[in-house]
C-alpha atoms as a PDB file:
ATOM      1  CA  UNK A   1     -24.598   4.187  10.204  1.00  0.00           C
ATOM      2  CA  UNK A   2     -22.164   2.699  12.128  1.00  0.00           C
ATOM      3  CA  UNK A   3     -18.594   4.125  12.066  1.00  0.00           C
ATOM      4  CA  UNK A   4     -15.027   3.959  13.525  1.00  0.00           C
ATOM      5  CA  UNK A   5     -13.835   7.567  14.756  1.00  0.00           C
ATOM      6  CA  UNK A   6     -11.048   8.968  16.054  1.00  0.00           C
ATOM      7  CA  UNK A   7     -12.183  11.847  18.025  1.00  0.00           C
ATOM      8  CA  UNK A   8      -9.448  13.443  18.996  1.00  0.00           C
ATOM      9  CA  UNK A   9      -5.502  12.628  17.935  1.00  0.00           C
ATOM     10  CA  UNK A  10      -3.748  10.004  20.159  1.00  0.00           C
ATOM     11  CA  UNK A  11      -6.319   8.135  21.501  1.00  0.00           C
ATOM     12  CA  UNK A  12      -7.889   5.362  20.577  1.00  0.00           C
ATOM     13  CA  UNK A  13     -11.085   4.978  17.467  1.00  0.00           C
ATOM     14  CA  UNK A  14     -14.200   4.287  19.124  1.00  0.00           C
ATOM     15  CA  UNK A  15     -17.460   3.179  17.586  1.00  0.00           C
ATOM     16  CA  UNK A  16     -20.346   6.148  17.177  1.00  0.00           C
ATOM     17  CA  UNK A  17     -23.347   6.694  15.376  1.00  0.00           C
ATOM     18  CA  UNK A  18     -22.893   9.415  12.507  1.00  0.00           C
ATOM     19  CA  UNK A  19     -25.010  10.813  10.026  1.00  0.00           C
ATOM     20  CA  UNK A  20     -23.980   9.671   6.536  1.00  0.00           C
ATOM     21  CA  UNK A  21     -24.641  13.614   4.063  1.00  0.00           C
ATOM     22  CA  UNK A  22     -26.014  12.847   0.571  1.00  0.00           C
ATOM     23  CA  UNK A  23     -24.080  13.317  -2.271  1.00  0.00           C
ATOM     24  CA  UNK A  24     -23.028  16.348  -3.624  1.00  0.00           C
ATOM     25  CA  UNK A  25     -22.378  17.512  -6.980  1.00  0.00           C
ATOM     26  CA  UNK A  26     -19.639  15.273  -8.323  1.00  0.00           C
ATOM     27  CA  UNK A  27     -20.219  12.606  -5.539  1.00  0.00           C
ATOM     28  CA  UNK A  28     -22.149   9.390  -4.441  1.00  0.00           C
ATOM     29  CA  UNK A  29     -23.094   7.643  -1.344  1.00  0.00           C
ATOM     30  CA  UNK A  30     -21.527   3.872  -1.331  1.00  0.00           C
ATOM     31  CA  UNK A  31     -22.550   1.036   0.805  1.00  0.00           C
ATOM     32  CA  UNK A  32     -18.923  -0.366   1.962  1.00  0.00           C
ATOM     33  CA  UNK A  33     -17.990  -4.163   2.104  1.00  0.00           C
ATOM     34  CA  UNK A  34     -14.572  -3.762   2.693  1.00  0.00           C
ATOM     35  CA  UNK A  35     -11.878  -1.873   4.004  1.00  0.00           C
ATOM     36  CA  UNK A  36      -8.237  -2.241   3.738  1.00  0.00           C
ATOM     37  CA  UNK A  37      -6.157  -1.589   6.704  1.00  0.00           C
ATOM     38  CA  UNK A  38      -3.029   0.166   6.001  1.00  0.00           C
ATOM     39  CA  UNK A  39       0.379   1.651   8.405  1.00  0.00           C
ATOM     40  CA  UNK A  40      -0.205   5.091   7.647  1.00  0.00           C
ATOM     41  CA  UNK A  41      -3.932   4.576   9.673  1.00  0.00           C
ATOM     42  CA  UNK A  42      -1.591   3.993  12.786  1.00  0.00           C
ATOM     43  CA  UNK A  43      -0.145   7.122  12.328  1.00  0.00           C
ATOM     44  CA  UNK A  44      -3.042   9.289  11.589  1.00  0.00           C
ATOM     45  CA  UNK A  45      -4.386   8.219  14.772  1.00  0.00           C
ATOM     46  CA  UNK A  46      -1.120   9.911  16.285  1.00  0.00           C
ATOM     47  CA  UNK A  47      -1.385  13.269  13.838  1.00  0.00           C
ATOM     48  CA  UNK A  48       1.833  12.082  12.749  1.00  0.00           C
ATOM     49  CA  UNK A  49       0.890  11.285   8.866  1.00  0.00           C
ATOM     50  CA  UNK A  50       1.212  13.958   6.228  1.00  0.00           C
ATOM     51  CA  UNK A  51      -2.416  13.810   5.263  1.00  0.00           C
ATOM     52  CA  UNK A  52      -4.343  15.329   8.100  1.00  0.00           C
ATOM     53  CA  UNK A  53      -8.382  15.581   8.008  1.00  0.00           C
ATOM     54  CA  UNK A  54     -10.329  17.914  10.734  1.00  0.00           C
ATOM     55  CA  UNK A  55     -11.600  15.682  13.709  1.00  0.00           C
ATOM     56  CA  UNK A  56     -13.225  13.943  13.789  1.00  0.00           C
ATOM     57  CA  UNK A  57     -11.679  11.278  11.641  1.00  0.00           C
ATOM     58  CA  UNK A  58     -13.593   8.126  10.332  1.00  0.00           C
ATOM     59  CA  UNK A  59     -10.460   5.660   9.433  1.00  0.00           C
ATOM     60  CA  UNK A  60     -10.171   3.240   6.680  1.00  0.00           C
ATOM     61  CA  UNK A  61      -8.147   4.354   3.496  1.00  0.00           C
ATOM     62  CA  UNK A  62      -8.833   2.549   0.750  1.00  0.00           C
ATOM     63  CA  UNK A  63     -12.270   0.370   0.397  1.00  0.00           C
ATOM     64  CA  UNK A  64     -14.587  -1.532  -1.770  1.00  0.00           C
ATOM     65  CA  UNK A  65     -18.731  -1.093  -1.917  1.00  0.00           C
ATOM     66  CA  UNK A  66     -21.866  -0.389  -4.227  1.00  0.00           C
ATOM     67  CA  UNK A  67     -23.053   2.568  -5.046  1.00  0.00           C
ATOM     68  CA  UNK A  68     -26.499   3.831  -3.711  1.00  0.00           C
ATOM     69  CA  UNK A  69     -27.045   7.136  -4.701  1.00  0.00           C
ATOM     70  CA  UNK A  70     -25.490   9.850  -7.365  1.00  0.00           C
ATOM     71  CA  UNK A  71     -24.924  13.386  -7.113  1.00  0.00           C
ATOM     72  CA  UNK A  72     -25.473  15.534  -9.758  1.00  0.00           C
ATOM     73  CA  UNK A  73     -23.210  15.233 -12.925  1.00  0.00           C
ATOM     74  CA  UNK A  74     -22.025  12.395 -12.193  1.00  0.00           C
ATOM     75  CA  UNK A  75     -21.225  10.291 -15.305  1.00  0.00           C
ATOM     76  CA  UNK A  76     -19.670   6.696 -15.880  1.00  0.00           C
ATOM     77  CA  UNK A  77     -21.218   5.505 -12.635  1.00  0.00           C
ATOM     78  CA  UNK A  78     -24.185   3.646 -11.740  1.00  0.00           C
ATOM     79  CA  UNK A  79     -26.283   2.925  -8.508  1.00  0.00           C
ATOM     80  CA  UNK A  80     -25.757  -1.160  -8.080  1.00  0.00           C
ATOM     81  CA  UNK A  81     -22.155  -0.942  -9.491  1.00  0.00           C
ATOM     82  CA  UNK A  82     -19.351  -2.328  -7.642  1.00  0.00           C
ATOM     83  CA  UNK A  83     -16.393   0.166  -7.082  1.00  0.00           C
ATOM     84  CA  UNK A  84     -13.387   0.441  -5.325  1.00  0.00           C
ATOM     85  CA  UNK A  85     -11.848   3.469  -3.915  1.00  0.00           C
ATOM     86  CA  UNK A  86      -8.644   5.208  -2.580  1.00  0.00           C
ATOM     87  CA  UNK A  87     -10.454   8.254  -0.530  1.00  0.00           C
ATOM     88  CA  UNK A  88      -7.777   8.722   2.232  1.00  0.00           C
ATOM     89  CA  UNK A  89     -10.054   8.271   5.243  1.00  0.00           C
ATOM     90  CA  UNK A  90     -13.816   7.125   5.550  1.00  0.00           C
ATOM     91  CA  UNK A  91     -13.801   4.007   4.829  1.00  0.00           C
ATOM     92  CA  UNK A  92     -14.626   2.240   8.741  1.00  0.00           C
ATOM     93  CA  UNK A  93     -18.350   2.515   8.417  1.00  0.00           C
ATOM     94  CA  UNK A  94     -21.276   1.311   6.851  1.00  0.00           C
ATOM     95  CA  UNK A  95     -21.468   4.088   4.225  1.00  0.00           C
ATOM     96  CA  UNK A  96     -19.812   6.898   2.571  1.00  0.00           C
ATOM     97  CA  UNK A  97     -20.098   9.832   0.410  1.00  0.00           C
ATOM     98  CA  UNK A  98     -16.785   9.828  -1.993  1.00  0.00           C
ATOM     99  CA  UNK A  99     -15.569  11.675  -4.986  1.00  0.00           C
ATOM    100  CA  UNK A 100     -17.050   9.855  -8.055  1.00  0.00           C
ATOM    101  CA  UNK A 101     -13.964  10.481 -10.630  1.00  0.00           C
ATOM    102  CA  UNK A 102     -11.662   8.334  -7.823  1.00  0.00           C
ATOM    103  CA  UNK A 103     -13.967   5.805  -7.933  1.00  0.00           C
ATOM    104  CA  UNK A 104     -13.218   2.561 -10.079  1.00  0.00           C
ATOM    105  CA  UNK A 105     -15.441  -0.483 -11.699  1.00  0.00           C
ATOM    106  CA  UNK A 106     -14.141  -3.433 -10.355  1.00  0.00           C
ATOM    107  CA  UNK A 107     -13.780  -6.379 -12.416  1.00  0.00           C
ATOM    108  CA  UNK A 108     -16.821  -8.960 -12.181  1.00  0.00           C
ATOM    109  CA  UNK A 109     -14.113 -11.925 -10.918  1.00  0.00           C
ATOM    110  CA  UNK A 110     -12.918  -9.714  -8.199  1.00  0.00           C
ATOM    111  CA  UNK A 111     -14.374  -9.455  -4.743  1.00  0.00           C
ATOM    112  CA  UNK A 112     -14.898  -6.557  -2.408  1.00  0.00           C
ATOM    113  CA  UNK A 113     -12.356  -8.134  -0.061  1.00  0.00           C
ATOM    114  CA  UNK A 114      -9.723  -8.210  -2.404  1.00  0.00           C
ATOM    115  CA  UNK A 115     -10.537  -5.190  -3.830  1.00  0.00           C
ATOM    116  CA  UNK A 116     -10.239  -3.534  -0.680  1.00  0.00           C
ATOM    117  CA  UNK A 117      -6.835  -5.015  -0.241  1.00  0.00           C
ATOM    118  CA  UNK A 118      -5.182  -4.294  -3.604  1.00  0.00           C
ATOM    119  CA  UNK A 119      -5.038  -0.219  -4.406  1.00  0.00           C
ATOM    120  CA  UNK A 120      -2.678   1.042  -1.756  1.00  0.00           C
ATOM    121  CA  UNK A 121      -0.228  -2.328  -1.351  1.00  0.00           C
ATOM    122  CA  UNK A 122      -0.173  -2.716  -5.630  1.00  0.00           C
ATOM    123  CA  UNK A 123      -0.754   0.891  -6.779  1.00  0.00           C
ATOM    124  CA  UNK A 124       2.579   1.887  -4.416  1.00  0.00           C
ATOM    125  CA  UNK A 125       4.415  -0.846  -5.977  1.00  0.00           C
ATOM    126  CA  UNK A 126       3.713  -0.415  -9.457  1.00  0.00           C
ATOM    127  CA  UNK A 127       4.019   3.191 -10.070  1.00  0.00           C
ATOM    128  CA  UNK A 128       7.055   3.098  -8.125  1.00  0.00           C
ATOM    129  CA  UNK A 129       9.003   0.221  -9.983  1.00  0.00           C
ATOM    130  CA  UNK A 130       7.238   1.266 -13.134  1.00  0.00           C
ATOM    131  CA  UNK A 131       7.289   5.162 -13.370  1.00  0.00           C
ATOM    132  CA  UNK A 132       9.973   5.886 -10.725  1.00  0.00           C
ATOM    133  CA  UNK A 133      12.815   3.560 -10.985  1.00  0.00           C
ATOM    134  CA  UNK A 134      11.972   2.403 -14.501  1.00  0.00           C
ATOM    135  CA  UNK A 135      12.599  -1.397 -13.777  1.00  0.00           C
ATOM    136  CA  UNK A 136      14.243  -3.130 -16.840  1.00  0.00           C
ATOM    137  CA  UNK A 137      13.602  -6.681 -17.677  1.00  0.00           C
ATOM    138  CA  UNK A 138      16.956  -8.649 -15.971  1.00  0.00           C
ATOM    139  CA  UNK A 139      17.635  -5.853 -13.602  1.00  0.00           C
ATOM    140  CA  UNK A 140      18.183  -7.237  -9.434  1.00  0.00           C
ATOM    141  CA  UNK A 141      15.651  -5.488  -6.535  1.00  0.00           C
ATOM    142  CA  UNK A 142      15.628  -6.016  -3.054  1.00  0.00           C
ATOM    143  CA  UNK A 143      12.598  -5.135  -1.493  1.00  0.00           C
ATOM    144  CA  UNK A 144      13.278  -4.763   2.036  1.00  0.00           C
ATOM    145  CA  UNK A 145      10.113  -5.856   4.299  1.00  0.00           C
ATOM    146  CA  UNK A 146       8.844  -8.243   1.520  1.00  0.00           C
ATOM    147  CA  UNK A 147       6.392  -9.788   3.772  1.00  0.00           C
ATOM    148  CA  UNK A 148       4.170  -6.848   4.521  1.00  0.00           C
ATOM    149  CA  UNK A 149       1.312  -5.230   2.694  1.00  0.00           C
ATOM    150  CA  UNK A 150       3.255  -2.970  -0.003  1.00  0.00           C
ATOM    151  CA  UNK A 151       6.545  -5.160   0.088  1.00  0.00           C
ATOM    152  CA  UNK A 152       4.712  -8.708  -0.728  1.00  0.00           C
ATOM    153  CA  UNK A 153       3.473  -6.579  -4.176  1.00  0.00           C
ATOM    154  CA  UNK A 154       6.630  -5.366  -4.801  1.00  0.00           C
ATOM    155  CA  UNK A 155       8.018  -8.697  -5.085  1.00  0.00           C
ATOM    156  CA  UNK A 156       5.380 -10.009  -7.384  1.00  0.00           C
ATOM    157  CA  UNK A 157       5.268  -7.502  -9.560  1.00  0.00           C
ATOM    158  CA  UNK A 158       9.112  -7.304  -9.803  1.00  0.00           C
ATOM    159  CA  UNK A 159       8.946 -10.724 -10.716  1.00  0.00           C
ATOM    160  CA  UNK A 160       6.135 -10.047 -13.505  1.00  0.00           C
ATOM    161  CA  UNK A 161       8.476  -7.342 -14.697  1.00  0.00           C
ATOM    162  CA  UNK A 162      11.148  -9.697 -15.235  1.00  0.00           C
ATOM    163  CA  UNK A 163      13.645  -8.782 -12.525  1.00  0.00           C
ATOM    164  CA  UNK A 164      15.409 -10.523 -10.226  1.00  0.00           C
ATOM    165  CA  UNK A 165      14.034 -10.160  -6.938  1.00  0.00           C
ATOM    166  CA  UNK A 166      15.640 -10.365  -3.508  1.00  0.00           C
ATOM    167  CA  UNK A 167      13.395 -10.892  -0.560  1.00  0.00           C
ATOM    168  CA  UNK A 168      14.679  -9.327   3.054  1.00  0.00           C
ATOM    169  CA  UNK A 169      12.036 -10.181   5.877  1.00  0.00           C
ATOM    170  CA  UNK A 170      12.505 -11.199   9.452  1.00  0.00           C
ATOM    171  CA  UNK A 171      12.034 -15.193   9.935  1.00  0.00           C
ATOM    172  CA  UNK A 172      11.710 -17.994   7.552  1.00  0.00           C
ATOM    173  CA  UNK A 173       7.640 -18.368   7.466  1.00  0.00           C
ATOM    174  CA  UNK A 174       7.205 -14.499   6.063  1.00  0.00           C
ATOM    175  CA  UNK A 175      10.548 -15.117   3.370  1.00  0.00           C
ATOM    176  CA  UNK A 176       8.444 -18.428   2.256  1.00  0.00           C
ATOM    177  CA  UNK A 177       5.617 -16.342   1.678  1.00  0.00           C
ATOM    178  CA  UNK A 178       8.003 -14.046  -0.056  1.00  0.00           C
ATOM    179  CA  UNK A 179       8.913 -17.030  -2.213  1.00  0.00           C
ATOM    180  CA  UNK A 180       6.004 -18.213  -3.272  1.00  0.00           C
ATOM    181  CA  UNK A 181       4.664 -14.492  -4.935  1.00  0.00           C
ATOM    182  CA  UNK A 182       8.692 -14.861  -6.924  1.00  0.00           C
ATOM    183  CA  UNK A 183      11.831 -14.125  -4.913  1.00  0.00           C
ATOM    184  CA  UNK A 184      14.385 -15.316  -6.129  1.00  0.00           C
ATOM    185  CA  UNK A 185      16.944 -14.693  -3.175  1.00  0.00           C
ATOM    186  CA  UNK A 186      15.450 -14.898   0.420  1.00  0.00           C
ATOM    187  CA  UNK A 187      17.339 -13.004   3.108  1.00  0.00           C
ATOM    188  CA  UNK A 188      16.656 -12.373   6.617  1.00  0.00           C
ATOM    189  CA  UNK A 189      17.012  -9.228   7.968  1.00  0.00           C
ATOM    190  CA  UNK A 190      18.032 -10.347  11.140  1.00  0.00           C
ATOM    191  CA  UNK A 191      21.920 -11.188   9.836  1.00  0.00           C
ATOM    192  CA  UNK A 192      23.842  -8.432  11.370  1.00  0.00           C
ATOM    193  CA  UNK A 193      25.840  -8.699   7.807  1.00  0.00           C
ATOM    194  CA  UNK A 194      23.543  -7.667   5.266  1.00  0.00           C
ATOM    195  CA  UNK A 195      25.075  -5.126   3.235  1.00  0.00           C
ATOM    196  CA  UNK A 196      27.478  -7.687   2.828  1.00  0.00           C
ATOM    197  CA  UNK A 197      24.674 -10.619   2.140  1.00  0.00           C
ATOM    198  CA  UNK A 198      22.847  -8.454  -0.518  1.00  0.00           C
ATOM    199  CA  UNK A 199      26.825  -7.770  -2.001  1.00  0.00           C
ATOM    200  CA  UNK A 200      27.328 -11.210  -1.977  1.00  0.00           C
ATOM    201  CA  UNK A 201      24.309 -11.748  -4.217  1.00  0.00           C
ATOM    202  CA  UNK A 202      25.725  -9.848  -6.806  1.00  0.00           C
ATOM    203  CA  UNK A 203      24.690  -6.155  -5.252  1.00  0.00           C
ATOM    204  CA  UNK A 204      21.393  -4.878  -6.777  1.00  0.00           C
ATOM    205  CA  UNK A 205      20.096  -2.146  -9.325  1.00  0.00           C
ATOM    206  CA  UNK A 206      16.718  -1.229  -7.621  1.00  0.00           C
ATOM    207  CA  UNK A 207      16.049  -0.946  -3.950  1.00  0.00           C
ATOM    208  CA  UNK A 208      12.080  -0.748  -2.604  1.00  0.00           C
ATOM    209  CA  UNK A 209      12.462  -0.014   1.301  1.00  0.00           C
ATOM    210  CA  UNK A 210       9.428   0.980   3.329  1.00  0.00           C
ATOM    211  CA  UNK A 211      11.095  -0.145   6.650  1.00  0.00           C
ATOM    212  CA  UNK A 212      13.918   2.775   7.013  1.00  0.00           C
ATOM    213  CA  UNK A 213      16.810   2.360   9.178  1.00  0.00           C
ATOM    214  CA  UNK A 214      18.896   0.258   9.665  1.00  0.00           C
ATOM    215  CA  UNK A 215      17.831  -1.583   6.692  1.00  0.00           C
ATOM    216  CA  UNK A 216      18.245   1.401   4.099  1.00  0.00           C
ATOM    217  CA  UNK A 217      21.716   1.994   5.386  1.00  0.00           C
ATOM    218  CA  UNK A 218      22.793  -1.422   4.478  1.00  0.00           C
ATOM    219  CA  UNK A 219      21.092  -2.077   1.391  1.00  0.00           C
ATOM    220  CA  UNK A 220      22.153   1.430   0.140  1.00  0.00           C
ATOM    221  CA  UNK A 221      25.750   0.093   0.795  1.00  0.00           C
ATOM    222  CA  UNK A 222      25.320  -2.925  -1.262  1.00  0.00           C
ATOM    223  CA  UNK A 223      23.667  -0.622  -4.821  1.00  0.00           C
ATOM    224  CA  UNK A 224      25.502  -1.145  -8.215  1.00  0.00           C
ATOM    225  CA  UNK A 225      26.845   2.103  -9.636  1.00  0.00           C
ATOM    226  CA  UNK A 226      23.459   3.791 -11.269  1.00  0.00           C
ATOM    227  CA  UNK A 227      21.106   2.408  -9.371  1.00  0.00           C
ATOM    228  CA  UNK A 228      18.277   3.410  -7.479  1.00  0.00           C
ATOM    229  CA  UNK A 229      16.906   3.615  -4.529  1.00  0.00           C
ATOM    230  CA  UNK A 230      12.710   4.066  -3.698  1.00  0.00           C
ATOM    231  CA  UNK A 231      11.366   5.666  -0.656  1.00  0.00           C
ATOM    232  CA  UNK A 232       8.236   4.427   0.413  1.00  0.00           C
ATOM    233  CA  UNK A 233       8.308   4.361   3.829  1.00  0.00           C
ATOM    234  CA  UNK A 234       9.271   4.411   7.491  1.00  0.00           C
ATOM    235  CA  UNK A 235       7.581   1.708   9.298  1.00  0.00           C
ATOM    236  CA  UNK A 236      10.446   0.551  11.197  1.00  0.00           C
ATOM    237  CA  UNK A 237       9.942   4.030  12.998  1.00  0.00           C
ATOM    238  CA  UNK A 238      13.704   5.517  12.192  1.00  0.00           C
ATOM    239  CA  UNK A 239      13.845   8.196   9.128  1.00  0.00           C
ATOM    240  CA  UNK A 240      17.151   7.415   7.470  1.00  0.00           C
ATOM    241  CA  UNK A 241      19.947   9.907   7.001  1.00  0.00           C
ATOM    242  CA  UNK A 242      21.480   9.457   3.195  1.00  0.00           C
ATOM    243  CA  UNK A 243      24.853   9.870   2.810  1.00  0.00           C
ATOM    244  CA  UNK A 244      25.701  12.446  -0.141  1.00  0.00           C
ATOM    245  CA  UNK A 245      28.827  10.787  -0.954  1.00  0.00           C
ATOM    246  CA  UNK A 246      27.865   7.692  -1.713  1.00  0.00           C
ATOM    247  CA  UNK A 247      25.414   9.085  -4.074  1.00  0.00           C
ATOM    248  CA  UNK A 248      27.890  11.093  -5.446  1.00  0.00           C
ATOM    249  CA  UNK A 249      30.464   8.326  -5.578  1.00  0.00           C
ATOM    250  CA  UNK A 250      28.230   5.370  -7.502  1.00  0.00           C
ATOM    251  CA  UNK A 251      26.209   7.597  -9.388  1.00  0.00           C
ATOM    252  CA  UNK A 252      22.756   5.936  -7.385  1.00  0.00           C
ATOM    253  CA  UNK A 253      18.898   8.263  -7.871  1.00  0.00           C
ATOM    254  CA  UNK A 254      17.123   8.251  -4.740  1.00  0.00           C
ATOM    255  CA  UNK A 255      13.421   8.759  -5.046  1.00  0.00           C
ATOM    256  CA  UNK A 256      10.777   9.520  -2.598  1.00  0.00           C
ATOM    257  CA  UNK A 257       7.060   8.069  -3.638  1.00  0.00           C
ATOM    258  CA  UNK A 258       3.723   9.067  -1.375  1.00  0.00           C
ATOM    259  CA  UNK A 259       1.157   7.316  -3.981  1.00  0.00           C
ATOM    260  CA  UNK A 260      -1.419   9.564  -2.727  1.00  0.00           C
ATOM    261  CA  UNK A 261       0.393  12.680  -3.492  1.00  0.00           C
ATOM    262  CA  UNK A 262      -0.661  12.028  -6.745  1.00  0.00           C
ATOM    263  CA  UNK A 263      -3.608  12.757  -6.637  1.00  0.00           C
ATOM    264  CA  UNK A 264      -3.408  16.213  -6.024  1.00  0.00           C
ATOM    265  CA  UNK A 265      -0.675  16.781  -9.273  1.00  0.00           C
ATOM    266  CA  UNK A 266      -1.459  14.390 -11.148  1.00  0.00           C
ATOM    267  CA  UNK A 267      -4.387  11.748 -10.639  1.00  0.00           C
ATOM    268  CA  UNK A 268      -4.059  10.007 -14.112  1.00  0.00           C
ATOM    269  CA  UNK A 269      -0.548   8.232 -13.250  1.00  0.00           C
ATOM    270  CA  UNK A 270      -2.807   6.951 -10.715  1.00  0.00           C
ATOM    271  CA  UNK A 271      -5.997   5.992 -12.498  1.00  0.00           C
ATOM    272  CA  UNK A 272      -3.663   4.716 -15.002  1.00  0.00           C
ATOM    273  CA  UNK A 273      -1.811   2.207 -13.375  1.00  0.00           C
ATOM    274  CA  UNK A 274      -5.031   0.900 -11.764  1.00  0.00           C
ATOM    275  CA  UNK A 275      -6.579   0.141 -14.892  1.00  0.00           C
ATOM    276  CA  UNK A 276      -3.568  -1.799 -15.692  1.00  0.00           C
ATOM    277  CA  UNK A 277      -3.236  -3.535 -12.862  1.00  0.00           C
ATOM    278  CA  UNK A 278      -7.117  -4.178 -12.846  1.00  0.00           C
ATOM    279  CA  UNK A 279      -6.272  -5.905 -16.074  1.00  0.00           C
ATOM    280  CA  UNK A 280      -3.581  -8.347 -14.837  1.00  0.00           C
ATOM    281  CA  UNK A 281      -6.077  -9.030 -12.037  1.00  0.00           C
ATOM    282  CA  UNK A 282      -8.659  -9.659 -14.600  1.00  0.00           C
ATOM    283  CA  UNK A 283      -5.861 -12.629 -16.450  1.00  0.00           C
ATOM    284  CA  UNK A 284      -5.394 -13.983 -13.321  1.00  0.00           C
ATOM    285  CA  UNK A 285      -1.559 -12.236 -13.222  1.00  0.00           C
ATOM    286  CA  UNK A 286      -2.078 -11.069  -8.951  1.00  0.00           C
ATOM    287  CA  UNK A 287      -3.376 -12.799  -6.491  1.00  0.00           C
ATOM    288  CA  UNK A 288      -3.449 -10.466  -3.291  1.00  0.00           C
ATOM    289  CA  UNK A 289      -2.203 -11.856  -0.164  1.00  0.00           C
ATOM    290  CA  UNK A 290      -4.609 -11.714   2.422  1.00  0.00           C
ATOM    291  CA  UNK A 291      -3.535 -13.099   6.093  1.00  0.00           C
ATOM    292  CA  UNK A 292      -6.672 -11.366   8.126  1.00  0.00           C
ATOM    293  CA  UNK A 293     -10.260 -11.277   7.675  1.00  0.00           C
ATOM    294  CA  UNK A 294     -12.273  -9.139  10.805  1.00  0.00           C
ATOM    295  CA  UNK A 295     -15.657  -8.129  11.030  1.00  0.00           C
ATOM    296  CA  UNK A 296     -16.075  -3.562  11.576  1.00  0.00           C
ATOM    297  CA  UNK A 297     -16.744  -4.954  15.719  1.00  0.00           C
ATOM    298  CA  UNK A 298     -13.129  -6.056  15.485  1.00  0.00           C
ATOM    299  CA  UNK A 299     -11.170  -3.465  13.465  1.00  0.00           C
ATOM    300  CA  UNK A 300      -8.858  -2.639  16.991  1.00  0.00           C
ATOM    301  CA  UNK A 301      -7.251  -6.184  16.456  1.00  0.00           C
ATOM    302  CA  UNK A 302      -6.700  -5.205  12.867  1.00  0.00           C
ATOM    303  CA  UNK A 303      -4.641  -2.866  14.016  1.00  0.00           C
ATOM    304  CA  UNK A 304      -3.134  -4.544  16.403  1.00  0.00           C
ATOM    305  CA  UNK A 305      -1.477  -7.208  14.220  1.00  0.00           C
ATOM    306  CA  UNK A 306      -0.431  -3.906  12.025  1.00  0.00           C
ATOM    307  CA  UNK A 307       1.464  -2.957  14.755  1.00  0.00           C
ATOM    308  CA  UNK A 308       3.211  -5.737  16.174  1.00  0.00           C
ATOM    309  CA  UNK A 309       3.904  -6.825  12.667  1.00  0.00           C
ATOM    310  CA  UNK A 310       2.057 -10.153  13.171  1.00  0.00           C
ATOM    311  CA  UNK A 311       0.088  -9.781   9.854  1.00  0.00           C
ATOM    312  CA  UNK A 312       1.207 -10.465   6.456  1.00  0.00           C
ATOM    313  CA  UNK A 313       0.031  -8.847   3.325  1.00  0.00           C
ATOM    314  CA  UNK A 314      -3.259  -6.821   4.107  1.00  0.00           C
ATOM    315  CA  UNK A 315      -5.453  -6.763   7.155  1.00  0.00           C
ATOM    316  CA  UNK A 316      -8.802  -6.764   5.777  1.00  0.00           C
ATOM    317  CA  UNK A 317     -12.011  -5.223   7.617  1.00  0.00           C
ATOM    318  CA  UNK A 318     -15.372  -6.492   6.187  1.00  0.00           C
ATOM    319  CA  UNK A 319     -18.479  -4.009   7.122  1.00  0.00           C
END
C-alpha cells in the first residue's frame, strides 16, 4: 500500500510502499477513504507532539473508511461497514489496521469526507465546553482562533448550547465564516486593544483558546469573576504563563484539555460525546466546514495550508 511516512524526525514525510499487516485480536483492517489533517501532524513531524509513536510514522490522526477484515474477537462491526476512527496516526495511507473498539459507525447521511473532518474538531470543542467548562445557556464564550479547525466548531457548539459567542480571528473573511456558524460578536485579533474590546462587550464567562499568547493573556484579563479558561493548544507557538494572582482575585478556573488523552484513562467520555455529536449531525444540526479537499499525492500541500494559516475549518485528504 502507499503510505505517507516520517522516516526521521525533523525531515519531510515521503511516500513509501509499505506492507499492511493482518488485523490481530480486537483489530480490524480498513480501506481508508479520507483523512483529516491537524496542526498536531506538523508537531509530530518535528517530534514535538505529546504523543510520540515509534518511527517510521504514518501521519494522519483521524480518518474514515470501510471495514475489509476482522480480527479475532471483534464484535459489533462487520465487513463493509463504514466507520470513523481517531487512531492518533496511520490515516494517510491506503489501508490501516486499527483497534475495533475505537471505530464509530457512521450515520447513513455522513460522507467519508465529513467524517474525516469531524472527530477531533467537534469532539474537542464538545468535551471542552460540556464536560470541562460546564457551559450554561446565556453565558458569554470567547473563542480565540475562531476560524480554525477546532475554533470554528467551538463557535458552532457554543451557539447550539445557548451561549453568546464572541469570535476572535484575523481578517474580515475569517470572521465572516465564524458569523455564519453562530458567532454573535466579531473581533479582529490584530486589534492592539483586544482586552479592552472584550471588556467593552461585557467580559467573558468562558475562554476557549487554541492559540496561546498574546491572545490568551488578553482574554484572561477580560474574564468575569468565576470564569473558566479552556487551554486547548498553542497554535501561535508560544505557551502562555498564567499569573496566579489573576486566578485568585477573580476566582478563575483554568482547565487543560488533551482530547485524545481520554483514551488512556476514560474513553467513555469520548465515545459518549461522539455518539451525541453524530446524532446532532444526523439531525442536520452540525455542518463541518472544510476549506480544502486534496488527494493523497498532495498531502504536503495540505499541511502547508495549515502551517501558513491559509485554511479555515478543516483540510481533508482523500485516499
